[in-house]
PDB file of N, CA and C in Angstrom:
ATOM      1  N   MET A   1      21.835 -12.137   0.385  1.00  0.00           N
ATOM      2  CA  MET A   1      21.481 -14.393   0.300  1.00  0.00           C
ATOM      3  C   MET A   1      20.822 -14.448   0.249  1.00  0.00           C
ATOM      4  N   MET A   2      20.057 -15.013  -1.017  1.00  0.00           N
ATOM      5  CA  MET A   2      18.865 -16.453  -0.960  1.00  0.00           C
ATOM      6  C   MET A   2      19.341 -17.925  -0.012  1.00  0.00           C
ATOM      7  N   SER A   3      18.644 -18.680   0.179  1.00  0.00           N
ATOM      8  CA  SER A   3      18.359 -19.897   1.136  1.00  0.00           C
ATOM      9  C   SER A   3      19.302 -21.090   0.030  1.00  0.00           C
ATOM     10  N   GLU A   4      19.582 -22.220   0.772  1.00  0.00           N
ATOM     11  CA  GLU A   4      20.118 -22.896  -0.412  1.00  0.00           C
ATOM     12  C   GLU A   4      18.596 -23.836  -0.568  1.00  0.00           C
ATOM     13  N   LEU A   5      17.920 -24.411  -1.708  1.00  0.00           N
ATOM     14  CA  LEU A   5      17.735 -25.374  -2.863  1.00  0.00           C
ATOM     15  C   LEU A   5      18.091 -27.203  -2.194  1.00  0.00           C
ATOM     16  N   ALA A   6      17.917 -28.314  -2.119  1.00  0.00           N
ATOM     17  CA  ALA A   6      18.468 -28.605  -2.172  1.00  0.00           C
ATOM     18  C   ALA A   6      18.664 -29.753  -3.331  1.00  0.00           C
ATOM     19  N   THR A   7      17.991 -29.642  -4.144  1.00  0.00           N
ATOM     20  CA  THR A   7      17.770 -29.929  -5.528  1.00  0.00           C
ATOM     21  C   THR A   7      19.001 -29.101  -7.153  1.00  0.00           C
ATOM     22  N   GLU A   8      19.763 -28.295  -6.228  1.00  0.00           N
ATOM     23  CA  GLU A   8      20.427 -27.363  -7.226  1.00  0.00           C
ATOM     24  C   GLU A   8      21.215 -27.342  -6.762  1.00  0.00           C
ATOM     25  N   THR A   9      22.086 -27.944  -8.047  1.00  0.00           N
ATOM     26  CA  THR A   9      23.822 -27.840  -7.911  1.00  0.00           C
ATOM     27  C   THR A   9      24.519 -26.423  -7.902  1.00  0.00           C
ATOM     28  N   TRP A  10      25.586 -26.193  -6.645  1.00  0.00           N
ATOM     29  CA  TRP A  10      25.891 -25.030  -7.143  1.00  0.00           C
ATOM     30  C   TRP A  10      27.695 -24.946  -6.663  1.00  0.00           C
ATOM     31  N   THR A  11      27.768 -23.443  -7.975  1.00  0.00           N
ATOM     32  CA  THR A  11      29.109 -24.020  -8.781  1.00  0.00           C
ATOM     33  C   THR A  11      30.327 -22.554  -7.874  1.00  0.00           C
ATOM     34  N   GLU A  12      31.668 -23.289  -7.677  1.00  0.00           N
ATOM     35  CA  GLU A  12      32.296 -21.770  -7.197  1.00  0.00           C
ATOM     36  C   GLU A  12      32.376 -20.946  -8.670  1.00  0.00           C
ATOM     37  N   VAL A  13      32.637 -19.424  -8.576  1.00  0.00           N
ATOM     38  CA  VAL A  13      32.561 -18.325  -9.324  1.00  0.00           C
ATOM     39  C   VAL A  13      33.526 -17.984  -9.658  1.00  0.00           C
ATOM     40  N   CYS A  14      33.962 -17.615  -8.675  1.00  0.00           N
ATOM     41  CA  CYS A  14      34.929 -16.651  -7.577  1.00  0.00           C
ATOM     42  C   CYS A  14      35.763 -16.332  -6.063  1.00  0.00           C
ATOM     43  N   ARG A  15      36.159 -15.955  -5.993  1.00  0.00           N
ATOM     44  CA  ARG A  15      36.207 -15.170  -4.691  1.00  0.00           C
ATOM     45  C   ARG A  15      36.048 -13.956  -4.144  1.00  0.00           C
ATOM     46  N   LYS A  16      35.300 -13.718  -3.735  1.00  0.00           N
ATOM     47  CA  LYS A  16      35.360 -11.966  -2.730  1.00  0.00           C
ATOM     48  C   LYS A  16      35.649 -11.121  -2.310  1.00  0.00           C
ATOM     49  N   SER A  17      36.998 -12.299  -2.773  1.00  0.00           N
ATOM     50  CA  SER A  17      38.170 -10.954  -2.309  1.00  0.00           C
ATOM     51  C   SER A  17      39.066 -10.922  -3.363  1.00  0.00           C
ATOM     52  N   GLN A  18      37.916 -10.994  -4.703  1.00  0.00           N
ATOM     53  CA  GLN A  18      38.555 -10.063  -5.925  1.00  0.00           C
ATOM     54  C   GLN A  18      37.887  -9.835  -6.884  1.00  0.00           C
ATOM     55  N   LEU A  19      36.698  -9.272  -5.699  1.00  0.00           N
ATOM     56  CA  LEU A  19      35.560  -8.221  -6.435  1.00  0.00           C
ATOM     57  C   LEU A  19      36.269  -6.612  -5.358  1.00  0.00           C
ATOM     58  N   SER A  20      35.411  -5.991  -6.376  1.00  0.00           N
ATOM     59  CA  SER A  20      35.739  -5.232  -5.987  1.00  0.00           C
ATOM     60  C   SER A  20      34.371  -3.828  -4.764  1.00  0.00           C
ATOM     61  N   PRO A  21      33.586  -3.867  -3.769  1.00  0.00           N
ATOM     62  CA  PRO A  21      32.232  -2.674  -3.813  1.00  0.00           C
ATOM     63  C   PRO A  21      31.466  -2.011  -4.923  1.00  0.00           C
ATOM     64  N   GLY A  22      31.034  -2.572  -5.269  1.00  0.00           N
ATOM     65  CA  GLY A  22      29.929  -1.657  -5.967  1.00  0.00           C
ATOM     66  C   GLY A  22      29.610  -1.995  -7.055  1.00  0.00           C
ATOM     67  N   THR A  23      30.401  -3.417  -7.419  1.00  0.00           N
ATOM     68  CA  THR A  23      30.445  -3.018  -8.713  1.00  0.00           C
ATOM     69  C   THR A  23      30.307  -5.432  -9.007  1.00  0.00           C
ATOM     70  N   GLY A  24      29.823  -5.479 -11.075  1.00  0.00           N
ATOM     71  CA  GLY A  24      29.582  -6.393 -11.545  1.00  0.00           C
ATOM     72  C   GLY A  24      30.805  -6.751 -12.142  1.00  0.00           C
ATOM     73  N   VAL A  25      30.703  -8.238 -12.041  1.00  0.00           N
ATOM     74  CA  VAL A  25      31.643  -9.023 -12.572  1.00  0.00           C
ATOM     75  C   VAL A  25      30.700 -10.110 -13.466  1.00  0.00           C
ATOM     76  N   CYS A  26      31.289 -11.128 -14.529  1.00  0.00           N
ATOM     77  CA  CYS A  26      30.302 -12.279 -15.078  1.00  0.00           C
ATOM     78  C   CYS A  26      31.180 -13.334 -14.687  1.00  0.00           C
ATOM     79  N   ALA A  27      30.601 -13.823 -15.304  1.00  0.00           N
ATOM     80  CA  ALA A  27      30.912 -15.613 -14.707  1.00  0.00           C
ATOM     81  C   ALA A  27      29.832 -16.541 -15.886  1.00  0.00           C
ATOM     82  N   LEU A  28      30.044 -17.371 -16.959  1.00  0.00           N
ATOM     83  CA  LEU A  28      30.463 -18.713 -17.504  1.00  0.00           C
ATOM     84  C   LEU A  28      30.147 -20.248 -16.489  1.00  0.00           C
ATOM     85  N   VAL A  29      28.317 -19.882 -15.852  1.00  0.00           N
ATOM     86  CA  VAL A  29      27.857 -21.234 -15.392  1.00  0.00           C
ATOM     87  C   VAL A  29      27.442 -22.179 -15.737  1.00  0.00           C
ATOM     88  N   LYS A  30      28.118 -23.453 -16.244  1.00  0.00           N
ATOM     89  CA  LYS A  30      26.681 -24.649 -16.651  1.00  0.00           C
ATOM     90  C   LYS A  30      26.277 -23.940 -18.822  1.00  0.00           C
ATOM     91  N   GLY A  31      27.389 -22.646 -19.474  1.00  0.00           N
ATOM     92  CA  GLY A  31      26.419 -22.455 -20.687  1.00  0.00           C
ATOM     93  C   GLY A  31      25.653 -20.529 -20.460  1.00  0.00           C
ATOM     94  N   LYS A  32      25.632 -20.669 -19.348  1.00  0.00           N
ATOM     95  CA  LYS A  32      25.083 -19.087 -19.604  1.00  0.00           C
ATOM     96  C   LYS A  32      25.813 -18.173 -18.191  1.00  0.00           C
ATOM     97  N   GLN A  33      25.363 -16.988 -18.743  1.00  0.00           N
ATOM     98  CA  GLN A  33      26.654 -16.016 -18.364  1.00  0.00           C
ATOM     99  C   GLN A  33      26.199 -15.124 -17.573  1.00  0.00           C
ATOM    100  N   ILE A  34      26.037 -15.911 -16.387  1.00  0.00           N
ATOM    101  CA  ILE A  34      25.557 -14.673 -15.043  1.00  0.00           C
ATOM    102  C   ILE A  34      26.299 -13.332 -14.484  1.00  0.00           C
ATOM    103  N   ALA A  35      26.276 -12.509 -15.215  1.00  0.00           N
ATOM    104  CA  ALA A  35      26.467 -10.998 -13.920  1.00  0.00           C
ATOM    105  C   ALA A  35      26.295 -11.583 -11.950  1.00  0.00           C
ATOM    106  N   ILE A  36      27.078 -11.413 -11.728  1.00  0.00           N
ATOM    107  CA  ILE A  36      27.975 -10.974 -10.708  1.00  0.00           C
ATOM    108  C   ILE A  36      27.587  -9.171  -9.775  1.00  0.00           C
ATOM    109  N   PHE A  37      27.115  -9.077  -8.568  1.00  0.00           N
ATOM    110  CA  PHE A  37      27.150  -8.029  -8.301  1.00  0.00           C
ATOM    111  C   PHE A  37      27.267  -8.122  -6.699  1.00  0.00           C
ATOM    112  N   TRP A  38      28.936  -7.020  -6.478  1.00  0.00           N
ATOM    113  CA  TRP A  38      28.356  -6.944  -4.196  1.00  0.00           C
ATOM    114  C   TRP A  38      28.067  -5.434  -4.592  1.00  0.00           C
ATOM    115  N   GLU A  39      26.818  -5.026  -3.721  1.00  0.00           N
ATOM    116  CA  GLU A  39      26.194  -3.921  -3.006  1.00  0.00           C
ATOM    117  C   GLU A  39      27.607  -3.832  -2.013  1.00  0.00           C
ATOM    118  N   GLY A  40      27.830  -3.279  -2.368  1.00  0.00           N
ATOM    119  CA  GLY A  40      29.196  -2.226  -1.224  1.00  0.00           C
ATOM    120  C   GLY A  40      28.193  -2.034   0.251  1.00  0.00           C
ATOM    121  N   ILE A  41      26.803  -1.355  -0.153  1.00  0.00           N
ATOM    122  CA  ILE A  41      26.659  -0.214   1.521  1.00  0.00           C
ATOM    123  C   ILE A  41      26.055  -1.839   2.251  1.00  0.00           C
ATOM    124  N   SER A  42      24.909  -2.740   0.969  1.00  0.00           N
ATOM    125  CA  SER A  42      24.348  -3.673   2.375  1.00  0.00           C
ATOM    126  C   SER A  42      25.551  -5.108   2.073  1.00  0.00           C
ATOM    127  N   ASP A  43      26.597  -5.047   1.511  1.00  0.00           N
ATOM    128  CA  ASP A  43      27.934  -6.282   1.942  1.00  0.00           C
ATOM    129  C   ASP A  43      26.895  -7.084   0.987  1.00  0.00           C
ATOM    130  N   GLN A  44      25.924  -7.158   0.139  1.00  0.00           N
ATOM    131  CA  GLN A  44      25.390  -8.234  -0.652  1.00  0.00           C
ATOM    132  C   GLN A  44      25.362  -8.811  -1.857  1.00  0.00           C
ATOM    133  N   ILE A  45      25.637  -9.723  -2.031  1.00  0.00           N
ATOM    134  CA  ILE A  45      26.113 -10.027  -3.235  1.00  0.00           C
ATOM    135  C   ILE A  45      24.715 -10.923  -3.888  1.00  0.00           C
ATOM    136  N   PHE A  46      24.891 -10.622  -5.266  1.00  0.00           N
ATOM    137  CA  PHE A  46      23.437 -11.059  -6.309  1.00  0.00           C
ATOM    138  C   PHE A  46      24.238 -11.599  -7.754  1.00  0.00           C
ATOM    139  N   ALA A  47      23.103 -12.308  -8.233  1.00  0.00           N
ATOM    140  CA  ALA A  47      23.325 -12.913  -9.321  1.00  0.00           C
ATOM    141  C   ALA A  47      22.030 -12.609 -10.360  1.00  0.00           C
ATOM    142  N   LEU A  48      22.706 -12.304 -11.601  1.00  0.00           N
ATOM    143  CA  LEU A  48      21.412 -12.615 -12.028  1.00  0.00           C
ATOM    144  C   LEU A  48      21.917 -12.384 -13.345  1.00  0.00           C
ATOM    145  N   SER A  49      21.051 -12.975 -14.902  1.00  0.00           N
ATOM    146  CA  SER A  49      21.690 -13.265 -16.186  1.00  0.00           C
ATOM    147  C   SER A  49      22.106 -11.942 -16.829  1.00  0.00           C
ATOM    148  N   ASN A  50      22.960 -12.346 -16.990  1.00  0.00           N
ATOM    149  CA  ASN A  50      24.285 -11.384 -18.508  1.00  0.00           C
ATOM    150  C   ASN A  50      23.158 -10.442 -18.922  1.00  0.00           C
ATOM    151  N   TYR A  51      22.541 -10.852 -19.978  1.00  0.00           N
ATOM    152  CA  TYR A  51      21.430 -10.497 -21.050  1.00  0.00           C
ATOM    153  C   TYR A  51      20.306  -9.568 -20.726  1.00  0.00           C
ATOM    154  N   CYS A  52      20.730  -8.605 -21.442  1.00  0.00           N
ATOM    155  CA  CYS A  52      19.715  -7.068 -21.665  1.00  0.00           C
ATOM    156  C   CYS A  52      18.960  -7.926 -22.749  1.00  0.00           C
ATOM    157  N   PRO A  53      17.221  -7.942 -22.231  1.00  0.00           N
ATOM    158  CA  PRO A  53      16.485  -8.254 -23.889  1.00  0.00           C
ATOM    159  C   PRO A  53      16.341  -6.818 -24.153  1.00  0.00           C
ATOM    160  N   PHE A  54      16.899  -6.142 -23.973  1.00  0.00           N
ATOM    161  CA  PHE A  54      16.578  -4.699 -24.794  1.00  0.00           C
ATOM    162  C   PHE A  54      17.950  -4.189 -25.682  1.00  0.00           C
ATOM    163  N   GLY A  55      18.585  -4.318 -25.046  1.00  0.00           N
ATOM    164  CA  GLY A  55      20.011  -3.588 -26.048  1.00  0.00           C
ATOM    165  C   GLY A  55      20.036  -5.463 -26.630  1.00  0.00           C
ATOM    166  N   LYS A  56      19.179  -6.798 -26.462  1.00  0.00           N
ATOM    167  CA  LYS A  56      19.810  -8.408 -26.680  1.00  0.00           C
ATOM    168  C   LYS A  56      21.799  -8.105 -27.112  1.00  0.00           C
ATOM    169  N   VAL A  57      22.138  -7.689 -25.800  1.00  0.00           N
ATOM    170  CA  VAL A  57      23.242  -7.967 -25.440  1.00  0.00           C
ATOM    171  C   VAL A  57      23.661  -9.323 -24.550  1.00  0.00           C
ATOM    172  N   ASN A  58      25.272  -9.826 -23.886  1.00  0.00           N
ATOM    173  CA  ASN A  58      25.617  -9.705 -22.769  1.00  0.00           C
ATOM    174  C   ASN A  58      26.324  -8.703 -22.055  1.00  0.00           C
ATOM    175  N   MET A  59      25.854  -8.119 -21.013  1.00  0.00           N
ATOM    176  CA  MET A  59      26.588  -6.914 -20.650  1.00  0.00           C
ATOM    177  C   MET A  59      26.136  -6.352 -19.858  1.00  0.00           C
ATOM    178  N   LEU A  60      25.159  -7.254 -18.503  1.00  0.00           N
ATOM    179  CA  LEU A  60      24.898  -6.142 -17.429  1.00  0.00           C
ATOM    180  C   LEU A  60      25.612  -5.939 -16.313  1.00  0.00           C
ATOM    181  N   SER A  61      26.190  -7.113 -16.192  1.00  0.00           N
ATOM    182  CA  SER A  61      27.532  -6.690 -15.478  1.00  0.00           C
ATOM    183  C   SER A  61      27.854  -5.524 -14.955  1.00  0.00           C
ATOM    184  N   ARG A  62      28.182  -4.868 -15.836  1.00  0.00           N
ATOM    185  CA  ARG A  62      29.524  -3.615 -16.812  1.00  0.00           C
ATOM    186  C   ARG A  62      28.187  -3.128 -16.290  1.00  0.00           C
ATOM    187  N   GLY A  63      26.986  -3.016 -15.535  1.00  0.00           N
ATOM    188  CA  GLY A  63      25.779  -1.750 -15.025  1.00  0.00           C
ATOM    189  C   GLY A  63      26.238  -0.808 -14.266  1.00  0.00           C
ATOM    190  N   LEU A  64      25.304   0.161 -13.959  1.00  0.00           N
ATOM    191  CA  LEU A  64      26.039   0.677 -12.733  1.00  0.00           C
ATOM    192  C   LEU A  64      24.795   0.220 -11.547  1.00  0.00           C
ATOM    193  N   ILE A  65      24.997  -0.110  -9.776  1.00  0.00           N
ATOM    194  CA  ILE A  65      24.023  -0.562  -9.304  1.00  0.00           C
ATOM    195  C   ILE A  65      23.841   0.620  -7.961  1.00  0.00           C
ATOM    196  N   GLY A  66      22.201   0.164  -7.912  1.00  0.00           N
ATOM    197  CA  GLY A  66      22.113   1.209  -7.174  1.00  0.00           C
ATOM    198  C   GLY A  66      20.854   1.356  -6.785  1.00  0.00           C
ATOM    199  N   ASP A  67      20.068   1.805  -5.827  1.00  0.00           N
ATOM    200  CA  ASP A  67      19.254   2.379  -5.884  1.00  0.00           C
ATOM    201  C   ASP A  67      17.469   2.593  -6.349  1.00  0.00           C
ATOM    202  N   PHE A  68      16.616   2.339  -6.393  1.00  0.00           N
ATOM    203  CA  PHE A  68      15.490   3.627  -7.612  1.00  0.00           C
ATOM    204  C   PHE A  68      13.789   2.687  -6.340  1.00  0.00           C
ATOM    205  N   LYS A  69      14.107   4.133  -5.567  1.00  0.00           N
ATOM    206  CA  LYS A  69      13.551   3.559  -4.928  1.00  0.00           C
ATOM    207  C   LYS A  69      12.804   2.324  -4.164  1.00  0.00           C
ATOM    208  N   GLY A  70      14.174   3.262  -3.432  1.00  0.00           N
ATOM    209  CA  GLY A  70      14.375   1.738  -2.365  1.00  0.00           C
ATOM    210  C   GLY A  70      14.867   0.678  -2.209  1.00  0.00           C
ATOM    211  N   GLU A  71      14.129   0.585  -4.012  1.00  0.00           N
ATOM    212  CA  GLU A  71      15.068  -1.398  -4.642  1.00  0.00           C
ATOM    213  C   GLU A  71      15.962  -0.584  -5.389  1.00  0.00           C
ATOM    214  N   LEU A  72      17.121  -2.293  -3.984  1.00  0.00           N
ATOM    215  CA  LEU A  72      18.218  -2.161  -5.108  1.00  0.00           C
ATOM    216  C   LEU A  72      18.306  -3.054  -7.364  1.00  0.00           C
ATOM    217  N   MET A  73      19.297  -1.736  -7.540  1.00  0.00           N
ATOM    218  CA  MET A  73      19.353  -2.797  -8.780  1.00  0.00           C
ATOM    219  C   MET A  73      20.473  -2.070  -9.580  1.00  0.00           C
ATOM    220  N   VAL A  74      20.509  -2.341 -10.909  1.00  0.00           N
ATOM    221  CA  VAL A  74      21.515  -2.482 -11.950  1.00  0.00           C
ATOM    222  C   VAL A  74      21.229  -1.981 -13.522  1.00  0.00           C
ATOM    223  N   ALA A  75      21.466  -1.384 -13.427  1.00  0.00           N
ATOM    224  CA  ALA A  75      21.036  -0.235 -14.911  1.00  0.00           C
ATOM    225  C   ALA A  75      21.932  -0.547 -15.972  1.00  0.00           C
ATOM    226  N   SER A  76      20.771  -0.536 -17.189  1.00  0.00           N
ATOM    227  CA  SER A  76      21.674  -1.575 -17.997  1.00  0.00           C
ATOM    228  C   SER A  76      23.060  -0.552 -19.446  1.00  0.00           C
ATOM    229  N   PRO A  77      23.850  -0.432 -19.021  1.00  0.00           N
ATOM    230  CA  PRO A  77      24.604   0.408 -20.171  1.00  0.00           C
ATOM    231  C   PRO A  77      24.927   0.020 -21.571  1.00  0.00           C
ATOM    232  N   LEU A  78      23.520  -0.005 -21.283  1.00  0.00           N
ATOM    233  CA  LEU A  78      23.346   0.473 -22.891  1.00  0.00           C
ATOM    234  C   LEU A  78      21.677   1.879 -22.991  1.00  0.00           C
ATOM    235  N   TYR A  79      21.363   0.887 -23.159  1.00  0.00           N
ATOM    236  CA  TYR A  79      19.765   1.750 -22.558  1.00  0.00           C
ATOM    237  C   TYR A  79      19.577   2.545 -21.494  1.00  0.00           C
ATOM    238  N   LYS A  80      19.802   1.924 -20.659  1.00  0.00           N
ATOM    239  CA  LYS A  80      19.223   2.419 -19.091  1.00  0.00           C
ATOM    240  C   LYS A  80      18.340   2.113 -18.056  1.00  0.00           C
ATOM    241  N   GLN A  81      17.645   0.992 -18.999  1.00  0.00           N
ATOM    242  CA  GLN A  81      17.214   0.053 -18.014  1.00  0.00           C
ATOM    243  C   GLN A  81      17.635  -0.578 -17.135  1.00  0.00           C
ATOM    244  N   ARG A  82      16.750  -0.744 -16.361  1.00  0.00           N
ATOM    245  CA  ARG A  82      16.435  -0.495 -14.641  1.00  0.00           C
ATOM    246  C   ARG A  82      16.498  -2.088 -14.031  1.00  0.00           C
ATOM    247  N   PHE A  83      17.131  -3.298 -13.777  1.00  0.00           N
ATOM    248  CA  PHE A  83      16.807  -4.878 -13.296  1.00  0.00           C
ATOM    249  C   PHE A  83      16.950  -4.615 -11.439  1.00  0.00           C
ATOM    250  N   SER A  84      15.702  -5.617 -10.962  1.00  0.00           N
ATOM    251  CA  SER A  84      16.026  -5.683 -10.133  1.00  0.00           C
ATOM    252  C   SER A  84      16.625  -6.774  -9.605  1.00  0.00           C
ATOM    253  N   LEU A  85      17.920  -6.128  -8.768  1.00  0.00           N
ATOM    254  CA  LEU A  85      19.177  -7.092  -8.199  1.00  0.00           C
ATOM    255  C   LEU A  85      18.456  -8.170  -6.743  1.00  0.00           C
ATOM    256  N   GLN A  86      17.367  -7.572  -6.820  1.00  0.00           N
ATOM    257  CA  GLN A  86      16.966  -9.058  -6.140  1.00  0.00           C
ATOM    258  C   GLN A  86      15.518 -10.140  -7.218  1.00  0.00           C
ATOM    259  N   THR A  87      14.841  -9.599  -7.681  1.00  0.00           N
ATOM    260  CA  THR A  87      13.705 -10.123  -8.109  1.00  0.00           C
ATOM    261  C   THR A  87      14.206 -11.093 -10.361  1.00  0.00           C
ATOM    262  N   GLY A  88      15.378  -9.522 -10.388  1.00  0.00           N
ATOM    263  CA  GLY A  88      15.355  -9.461 -11.689  1.00  0.00           C
ATOM    264  C   GLY A  88      14.174  -8.831 -12.746  1.00  0.00           C
ATOM    265  N   GLN A  89      13.186  -8.400 -11.959  1.00  0.00           N
ATOM    266  CA  GLN A  89      12.129  -7.542 -12.024  1.00  0.00           C
ATOM    267  C   GLN A  89      12.484  -6.912 -13.010  1.00  0.00           C
ATOM    268  N   CYS A  90      12.547  -6.053 -14.677  1.00  0.00           N
ATOM    269  CA  CYS A  90      12.507  -4.474 -15.133  1.00  0.00           C
ATOM    270  C   CYS A  90      11.947  -3.364 -14.320  1.00  0.00           C
ATOM    271  N   LEU A  91      12.058  -2.498 -14.126  1.00  0.00           N
ATOM    272  CA  LEU A  91      11.693  -1.316 -13.087  1.00  0.00           C
ATOM    273  C   LEU A  91      11.357  -0.393 -13.690  1.00  0.00           C
ATOM    274  N   ASP A  92      11.731  -0.315 -15.603  1.00  0.00           N
ATOM    275  CA  ASP A  92      11.080   0.404 -16.501  1.00  0.00           C
ATOM    276  C   ASP A  92       9.609   0.231 -17.144  1.00  0.00           C
ATOM    277  N   ASP A  93       9.397  -1.718 -17.293  1.00  0.00           N
ATOM    278  CA  ASP A  93       8.477  -2.176 -17.706  1.00  0.00           C
ATOM    279  C   ASP A  93       8.183  -3.632 -17.382  1.00  0.00           C
ATOM    280  N   GLU A  94       7.419  -3.307 -16.903  1.00  0.00           N
ATOM    281  CA  GLU A  94       6.651  -4.771 -15.763  1.00  0.00           C
ATOM    282  C   GLU A  94       6.545  -5.266 -16.660  1.00  0.00           C
ATOM    283  N   ASN A  95       6.633  -5.688 -18.179  1.00  0.00           N
ATOM    284  CA  ASN A  95       6.157  -7.047 -18.886  1.00  0.00           C
ATOM    285  C   ASN A  95       7.214  -7.733 -19.076  1.00  0.00           C
ATOM    286  N   VAL A  96       8.578  -7.477 -18.345  1.00  0.00           N
ATOM    287  CA  VAL A  96       9.928  -8.123 -19.102  1.00  0.00           C
ATOM    288  C   VAL A  96      10.309  -8.479 -17.324  1.00  0.00           C
ATOM    289  N   SER A  97      10.935  -9.462 -17.067  1.00  0.00           N
ATOM    290  CA  SER A  97      12.050  -9.688 -16.001  1.00  0.00           C
ATOM    291  C   SER A  97      13.361 -10.296 -16.061  1.00  0.00           C
ATOM    292  N   ILE A  98      14.624 -10.763 -15.826  1.00  0.00           N
ATOM    293  CA  ILE A  98      15.138 -11.446 -16.490  1.00  0.00           C
ATOM    294  C   ILE A  98      15.392 -12.218 -14.968  1.00  0.00           C
ATOM    295  N   PRO A  99      16.172 -13.548 -14.973  1.00  0.00           N
ATOM    296  CA  PRO A  99      16.610 -14.571 -14.501  1.00  0.00           C
ATOM    297  C   PRO A  99      17.264 -14.566 -13.130  1.00  0.00           C
ATOM    298  N   THR A 100      16.947 -14.924 -11.975  1.00  0.00           N
ATOM    299  CA  THR A 100      18.463 -14.764 -10.938  1.00  0.00           C
ATOM    300  C   THR A 100      18.555 -15.354 -10.194  1.00  0.00           C
ATOM    301  N   TYR A 101      19.361 -15.773 -10.292  1.00  0.00           N
ATOM    302  CA  TYR A 101      19.798 -17.303  -9.139  1.00  0.00           C
ATOM    303  C   TYR A 101      20.515 -16.952  -8.437  1.00  0.00           C
ATOM    304  N   GLN A 102      20.686 -17.975  -7.312  1.00  0.00           N
ATOM    305  CA  GLN A 102      20.266 -17.760  -5.351  1.00  0.00           C
ATOM    306  C   GLN A 102      22.475 -17.684  -5.689  1.00  0.00           C
ATOM    307  N   VAL A 103      22.793 -17.179  -4.503  1.00  0.00           N
ATOM    308  CA  VAL A 103      23.576 -17.044  -4.162  1.00  0.00           C
ATOM    309  C   VAL A 103      24.467 -17.394  -3.120  1.00  0.00           C
ATOM    310  N   LYS A 104      25.395 -18.113  -2.200  1.00  0.00           N
ATOM    311  CA  LYS A 104      26.167 -18.397  -0.884  1.00  0.00           C
ATOM    312  C   LYS A 104      27.458 -17.993  -1.138  1.00  0.00           C
ATOM    313  N   ILE A 105      27.940 -17.504  -0.012  1.00  0.00           N
ATOM    314  CA  ILE A 105      29.660 -17.914   0.084  1.00  0.00           C
ATOM    315  C   ILE A 105      29.607 -18.660   1.286  1.00  0.00           C
ATOM    316  N   GLU A 106      30.696 -19.402   1.126  1.00  0.00           N
ATOM    317  CA  GLU A 106      31.499 -20.328   1.495  1.00  0.00           C
ATOM    318  C   GLU A 106      32.586 -19.685   1.737  1.00  0.00           C
ATOM    319  N   GLY A 107      33.655 -18.587   3.173  1.00  0.00           N
ATOM    320  CA  GLY A 107      34.792 -18.650   4.016  1.00  0.00           C
ATOM    321  C   GLY A 107      34.752 -17.496   3.324  1.00  0.00           C
ATOM    322  N   ASP A 108      35.511 -17.912   1.312  1.00  0.00           N
ATOM    323  CA  ASP A 108      35.900 -16.221   0.548  1.00  0.00           C
ATOM    324  C   ASP A 108      34.646 -16.865  -0.660  1.00  0.00           C
ATOM    325  N   ALA A 109      34.638 -17.787  -0.749  1.00  0.00           N
ATOM    326  CA  ALA A 109      33.985 -18.574  -1.878  1.00  0.00           C
ATOM    327  C   ALA A 109      32.698 -17.398  -1.570  1.00  0.00           C
ATOM    328  N   ILE A 110      31.894 -17.558  -3.686  1.00  0.00           N
ATOM    329  CA  ILE A 110      31.459 -16.998  -3.835  1.00  0.00           C
ATOM    330  C   ILE A 110      30.900 -18.386  -4.296  1.00  0.00           C
ATOM    331  N   LYS A 111      29.629 -18.219  -4.639  1.00  0.00           N
ATOM    332  CA  LYS A 111      28.887 -20.267  -5.646  1.00  0.00           C
ATOM    333  C   LYS A 111      27.552 -19.821  -5.379  1.00  0.00           C
ATOM    334  N   ILE A 112      27.412 -20.177  -6.597  1.00  0.00           N
ATOM    335  CA  ILE A 112      25.904 -19.363  -7.502  1.00  0.00           C
ATOM    336  C   ILE A 112      25.015 -20.816  -8.160  1.00  0.00           C
ATOM    337  N   ALA A 113      24.026 -21.276  -8.114  1.00  0.00           N
ATOM    338  CA  ALA A 113      23.087 -21.584  -8.232  1.00  0.00           C
ATOM    339  C   ALA A 113      22.594 -22.039  -9.895  1.00  0.00           C
ATOM    340  N   ALA A 114      22.914 -22.618 -10.122  1.00  0.00           N
ATOM    341  CA  ALA A 114      22.410 -23.343 -12.114  1.00  0.00           C
ATOM    342  C   ALA A 114      22.249 -23.793 -11.858  1.00  0.00           C
TER     343      ALA A 114
END
């Protein structure tokens, strides 16, 4: 979970109890599709753009999450490029990255700064 910035607006997107560990969902926040992942082993929640720049479609929330050389990542379901859950950096192409978003949990509520 990342730290809160005073200038960010927090939007509740779902309840943690609605999610399953090791999976992703998509939420529409201020017109942006954001993929939200619950990494079950570390019990962390991550949020990044749902848009895959390789497939040019919104679908990363349907990707598989895992570990690549010690980096928590999601693999795009279309062309299998891997993106860091923490930084959004593509692990297969250093010239590509996607936006990430801060996450905080209040009780059971998952909130995204966007």
